[in-house]
Amino acid sequence: MKKILVVDDEEDLCEILQFNLKNSGYNVDVAYSSEEAFAKLKNNYDLLLLDVMMGGISGFKLAELIRQEYHNDVPIMFITARDNESDKLKGFNLGADDYISKPFSIKEVIARVNAVLIRTDNSLKKKAIEEIEKVEQKSEINTKNSKKENITVNDLTINMENKSVSLSGVLIKLTKKEFEILQMLINEPYNVFSRTNILDAVWKNEAYVLERTVDVHIARLRKKLLQYGSCIVNRSGYGYCFDINEAGKD
């Protein structure tokens, strides 16, 4: 049963929403302030219904804190008497999934709740399938590489014995550093390596090497790998990884 948290300082409205949502098959808790709601978030709700205009911490601020503190993507629906465009835009910019203006019909609220949860379920299922596919691809690549003789991804081959790389049988000329970076990334596909990780592994104890050096080498490596260059992905703020699903996207 899906769990919903209703947050509003109007107790009567909370009771009405709780009663009707329960009758629609949901497990519903209520909180009469943002502070009370924040304390209940450990219950892992499937949806939050937040009033915008509350005493103390507003619904907007609560949503912002939830995204910052919990880093989660729990669906959020705002309920408010303020229906001007700027407020709606603010709500959606905070990651809201829907915005309901007072006064509203209970049937409309329930219909919107149903729609958001269905949409979220489909999104989560798609994400789960993608993660499973990534694990399977990673397992397949690691199995092929178990002998550490050749690393093969589609028609891209890294020969570990003679330290060479070929694409569809055509040799690609890489420098020693470029080869070692590619080897590091492709040995653990989807694993993100920071620039410091790459510097430590490839440049080791060489003096006066800047993190920018990694970016320069990877830019050259991407260019040489042609359609597989886009597989070397920059995860902004974290580092680089090898993602075969990105082939040919640049």
Protein backbone atom coordinates (compact mmCIF):
# COMPACT_ATOMS: atom_id res chain seq x y z
CA MET A 1 0.00 0.00 0.00
CA LYS A 2 1.38 3.41 -1.00
CA LYS A 3 2.19 5.78 1.88
CA ILE A 4 1.30 9.47 1.64
CA LEU A 5 2.17 12.32 4.00
CA VAL A 6 -0.21 15.31 4.03
CA VAL A 7 1.36 18.49 5.43
CA ASP A 8 -0.93 21.46 6.14
CA ASP A 9 -1.52 23.71 9.15
CA GLU A 10 -5.29 23.52 8.55
CA GLU A 11 -6.26 20.50 10.63
CA ASP A 12 -9.73 20.20 9.09
CA LEU A 13 -8.27 20.01 5.59
CA CYS A 14 -5.73 17.40 6.71
CA GLU A 15 -8.52 15.25 8.13
CA ILE A 16 -10.60 15.54 4.94
CA LEU A 17 -7.66 14.61 2.73
CA GLN A 18 -6.62 11.77 5.04
CA PHE A 19 -10.14 10.31 5.12
CA ASN A 20 -10.67 10.42 1.36
CA LEU A 21 -7.19 9.21 0.42
CA LYS A 22 -7.53 6.29 2.85
CA ASN A 23 -10.85 5.40 1.22
CA SER A 24 -8.98 5.37 -2.09
CA GLY A 25 -6.61 2.71 -0.80
CA TYR A 26 -3.68 4.74 0.52
CA ASN A 27 -1.91 4.69 3.88
CA VAL A 28 -2.01 8.34 4.98
CA ASP A 29 -0.21 10.25 7.74
CA VAL A 30 -0.66 13.94 8.51
CA ALA A 31 1.61 16.67 9.85
CA TYR A 32 0.48 20.15 10.87
CA SER A 33 3.82 21.89 10.31
CA SER A 34 6.95 21.52 8.22
CA GLU A 35 8.92 20.77 11.36
CA GLU A 36 6.63 17.86 12.24
CA ALA A 37 6.73 16.63 8.65
CA PHE A 38 10.52 16.66 8.55
CA ALA A 39 10.63 14.44 11.63
CA LYS A 40 8.33 11.90 9.94
CA LEU A 41 10.30 11.58 6.70
CA LYS A 42 12.14 8.54 8.04
CA ASN A 43 8.93 6.62 7.26
CA ASN A 44 9.85 6.68 3.56
CA TYR A 45 6.68 8.02 1.97
CA ASP A 46 5.73 7.43 -1.65
CA LEU A 47 4.23 10.92 -2.03
CA LEU A 48 4.16 14.22 -0.14
CA LEU A 49 1.22 16.65 -0.28
CA LEU A 50 2.55 20.00 0.96
CA ASP A 51 0.71 23.22 1.68
CA VAL A 52 2.77 26.23 0.60
CA MET A 53 1.60 28.84 3.12
CA MET A 54 2.28 27.52 6.61
CA GLY A 55 3.53 29.25 9.72
CA GLY A 56 7.24 28.78 10.35
CA ILE A 57 8.86 26.86 7.51
CA SER A 58 6.88 27.19 4.28
CA GLY A 59 6.05 24.29 2.00
CA PHE A 60 8.51 25.64 -0.57
CA LYS A 61 11.30 25.69 2.01
CA LEU A 62 10.37 22.22 3.24
CA ALA A 63 10.61 20.84 -0.30
CA GLU A 64 14.00 22.50 -0.73
CA LEU A 65 15.25 20.99 2.55
CA ILE A 66 13.98 17.54 1.57
CA ARG A 67 15.86 17.65 -1.73
CA GLN A 68 19.03 18.94 -0.02
CA GLU A 69 19.05 16.77 3.10
CA TYR A 70 17.66 13.52 1.76
CA HIS A 71 18.78 13.83 -1.89
CA ASN A 72 15.75 11.77 -2.85
CA ASP A 73 13.20 12.05 -5.62
CA VAL A 74 10.03 11.39 -3.62
CA PRO A 75 7.11 12.88 -5.56
CA ILE A 76 5.92 16.23 -4.18
CA MET A 77 2.55 17.87 -4.83
CA PHE A 78 1.92 21.41 -3.61
CA ILE A 79 -1.50 22.50 -2.33
CA THR A 80 -1.97 26.25 -2.07
CA ALA A 81 -4.32 29.19 -2.34
CA ARG A 82 -1.59 31.01 -4.26
CA ASP A 83 -2.02 30.20 -7.92
CA ASN A 84 -0.04 32.96 -9.66
CA GLU A 85 2.46 31.96 -12.31
CA SER A 86 5.58 32.87 -10.32
CA ASP A 87 4.54 30.63 -7.41
CA LYS A 88 3.80 27.74 -9.75
CA LEU A 89 7.16 28.16 -11.48
CA LYS A 90 8.91 28.26 -8.11
CA GLY A 91 7.20 25.04 -7.10
CA PHE A 92 8.13 23.22 -10.28
CA ASN A 93 11.71 24.53 -10.10
CA LEU A 94 11.94 22.94 -6.65
CA GLY A 95 11.09 19.60 -8.23
CA ALA A 96 7.33 19.50 -7.70
CA ASP A 97 5.40 16.86 -9.62
CA ASP A 98 2.11 18.75 -9.47
CA TYR A 99 0.58 21.97 -8.15
CA ILE A 100 -3.04 22.13 -6.97
CA SER A 101 -4.76 25.45 -6.28
CA LYS A 102 -7.33 25.93 -3.52
CA PRO A 103 -10.27 25.58 -3.56
CA PHE A 104 -10.17 22.16 -5.16
CA SER A 105 -12.39 19.11 -5.41
CA ILE A 106 -11.35 16.01 -3.51
CA LYS A 107 -11.96 13.93 -6.62
CA GLU A 108 -9.46 16.07 -8.52
CA VAL A 109 -6.84 15.67 -5.79
CA ILE A 110 -7.25 11.89 -5.77
CA ALA A 111 -7.07 11.76 -9.57
CA ARG A 112 -3.88 13.83 -9.56
CA VAL A 113 -2.36 11.71 -6.78
CA ASN A 114 -3.13 8.56 -8.77
CA ALA A 115 -1.58 10.06 -11.90
CA VAL A 116 1.63 11.15 -10.16
CA LEU A 117 2.12 7.77 -8.48
CA ILE A 118 1.51 5.87 -11.73
CA ARG A 119 3.96 8.12 -13.55
CA THR A 120 6.53 7.68 -10.77
CA ASP A 121 6.10 3.91 -10.75
CA ASN A 122 6.72 3.74 -14.50
CA SER A 123 9.77 5.96 -14.16
CA LEU A 124 11.17 3.80 -11.34
CA LYS A 125 10.52 0.62 -13.32
CA LYS A 126 12.34 2.08 -16.32
CA LYS A 127 15.23 3.15 -14.11
CA ALA A 128 15.41 -0.31 -12.52
CA ILE A 129 15.47 -1.96 -15.95
CA GLU A 130 18.27 0.37 -17.06
CA GLU A 131 20.30 -0.44 -13.94
CA ILE A 132 19.81 -4.18 -14.49
CA GLU A 133 20.95 -3.81 -18.10
CA LYS A 134 24.04 -1.92 -16.96
CA VAL A 135 24.91 -4.64 -14.44
CA GLU A 136 24.45 -7.30 -17.13
CA GLN A 137 26.63 -5.36 -19.58
CA LYS A 138 29.28 -4.85 -16.92
CA SER A 139 29.21 -8.55 -16.09
CA GLU A 140 29.52 -9.43 -19.78
CA ILE A 141 32.49 -7.11 -20.25
CA ASN A 142 34.19 -8.38 -17.09
CA THR A 143 33.66 -11.99 -18.21
CA LYS A 144 35.27 -11.26 -21.56
CA ASN A 145 38.15 -9.56 -19.79
CA SER A 146 38.74 -12.26 -17.19
CA LYS A 147 41.84 -13.58 -18.93
CA LYS A 148 43.26 -10.07 -19.15
CA GLU A 149 44.48 -10.79 -22.66
CA ASN A 150 42.00 -8.70 -24.61
CA ILE A 151 39.25 -6.31 -23.58
CA THR A 152 36.49 -6.29 -26.17
CA VAL A 153 33.47 -4.02 -26.31
CA ASN A 154 31.55 -4.54 -29.56
CA ASP A 155 34.15 -3.83 -32.27
CA LEU A 156 36.55 -2.00 -29.95
CA THR A 157 39.44 -4.20 -28.78
CA ILE A 158 42.21 -3.52 -26.28
CA ASN A 159 45.09 -5.96 -26.50
CA MET A 160 46.63 -6.17 -23.04
CA GLU A 161 49.67 -8.09 -24.19
CA ASN A 162 50.99 -5.65 -26.76
CA LYS A 163 49.25 -2.57 -25.30
CA SER A 164 47.33 -1.72 -28.46
CA VAL A 165 43.81 -0.60 -29.32
CA SER A 166 41.92 -1.37 -32.51
CA LEU A 167 38.52 -0.43 -33.89
CA SER A 168 36.98 -2.86 -36.39
CA GLY A 169 40.46 -4.31 -36.84
CA VAL A 170 42.08 -0.94 -37.56
CA LEU A 171 44.86 0.03 -35.15
CA ILE A 172 44.35 3.25 -33.17
CA LYS A 173 47.56 4.98 -32.15
CA LEU A 174 47.43 5.95 -28.48
CA THR A 175 50.08 7.36 -26.18
CA LYS A 176 51.04 5.38 -23.07
CA LYS A 177 48.98 7.66 -20.83
CA GLU A 178 45.94 7.53 -23.11
CA PHE A 179 46.10 3.74 -23.18
CA GLU A 180 46.34 3.52 -19.38
CA ILE A 181 43.38 5.88 -18.91
CA LEU A 182 41.24 3.86 -21.32
CA GLN A 183 42.27 0.60 -19.67
CA MET A 184 41.38 1.98 -16.24
CA LEU A 185 37.93 3.17 -17.31
CA ILE A 186 36.95 0.20 -19.45
CA ASN A 187 38.06 -2.37 -16.86
CA GLU A 188 35.33 -1.06 -14.53
CA PRO A 189 32.51 0.21 -16.76
CA TYR A 190 30.05 2.66 -15.17
CA ASN A 191 32.36 3.16 -12.19
CA VAL A 192 33.19 6.86 -11.81
CA PHE A 193 36.85 7.77 -11.31
CA SER A 194 37.78 11.23 -10.06
CA ARG A 195 40.60 13.18 -11.71
CA THR A 196 42.66 12.48 -8.60
CA ASN A 197 42.02 8.73 -8.98
CA ILE A 198 43.22 8.87 -12.57
CA LEU A 199 46.27 11.01 -11.73
CA ASP A 200 47.28 8.60 -8.95
CA ALA A 201 46.87 5.53 -11.17
CA VAL A 202 48.37 6.83 -14.40
CA TRP A 203 50.83 9.56 -13.42
CA LYS A 204 51.65 8.02 -10.04
CA ASN A 205 54.38 10.09 -8.37
CA GLU A 206 55.21 12.40 -11.25
CA ALA A 207 55.68 15.95 -9.97
CA TYR A 208 53.74 19.07 -11.00
CA VAL A 209 50.89 17.34 -12.80
CA LEU A 210 47.63 19.30 -12.72
CA GLU A 211 44.12 17.81 -12.75
CA ARG A 212 43.54 19.70 -16.00
CA THR A 213 46.06 17.32 -17.57
CA VAL A 214 43.52 14.51 -17.21
CA ASP A 215 40.91 16.52 -19.12
CA VAL A 216 43.36 17.24 -21.96
CA HIS A 217 44.33 13.56 -22.32
CA ILE A 218 40.71 12.42 -22.21
CA ALA A 219 39.72 14.97 -24.86
CA ARG A 220 42.41 13.54 -27.17
CA LEU A 221 41.40 9.98 -26.31
CA ARG A 222 37.75 10.66 -27.12
CA LYS A 223 38.70 12.06 -30.50
CA LYS A 224 40.80 9.02 -31.38
CA LEU A 225 38.10 6.54 -30.34
CA LEU A 226 35.65 8.01 -32.89
CA GLN A 227 32.10 6.76 -32.14
CA TYR A 228 33.29 5.25 -28.85
CA GLY A 229 34.71 8.56 -27.66
CA SER A 230 31.30 9.52 -26.28
CA CYS A 231 31.44 6.42 -24.04
CA ILE A 232 33.92 8.28 -21.86
CA VAL A 233 31.41 10.32 -19.88
CA ASN A 234 32.12 13.29 -17.64
CA ARG A 235 29.96 13.03 -14.51
CA SER A 236 30.00 16.70 -13.57
CA GLY A 237 31.55 17.29 -10.17
CA TYR A 238 32.64 13.66 -9.80
CA GLY A 239 34.88 12.47 -12.62
CA TYR A 240 34.86 10.13 -15.61
CA CYS A 241 33.38 6.73 -16.40
CA PHE A 242 32.99 4.39 -19.38
CA ASP A 243 29.35 3.91 -20.45
CA ILE A 244 28.85 1.80 -23.60
CA ASN A 245 25.26 3.11 -23.89
CA GLU A 246 26.66 6.50 -24.91
CA ALA A 247 28.37 5.17 -28.06
CA GLY A 248 27.85 7.44 -31.05
CA LYS A 249 25.86 10.10 -29.17
CA ASP A 250 28.28 13.00 -29.67
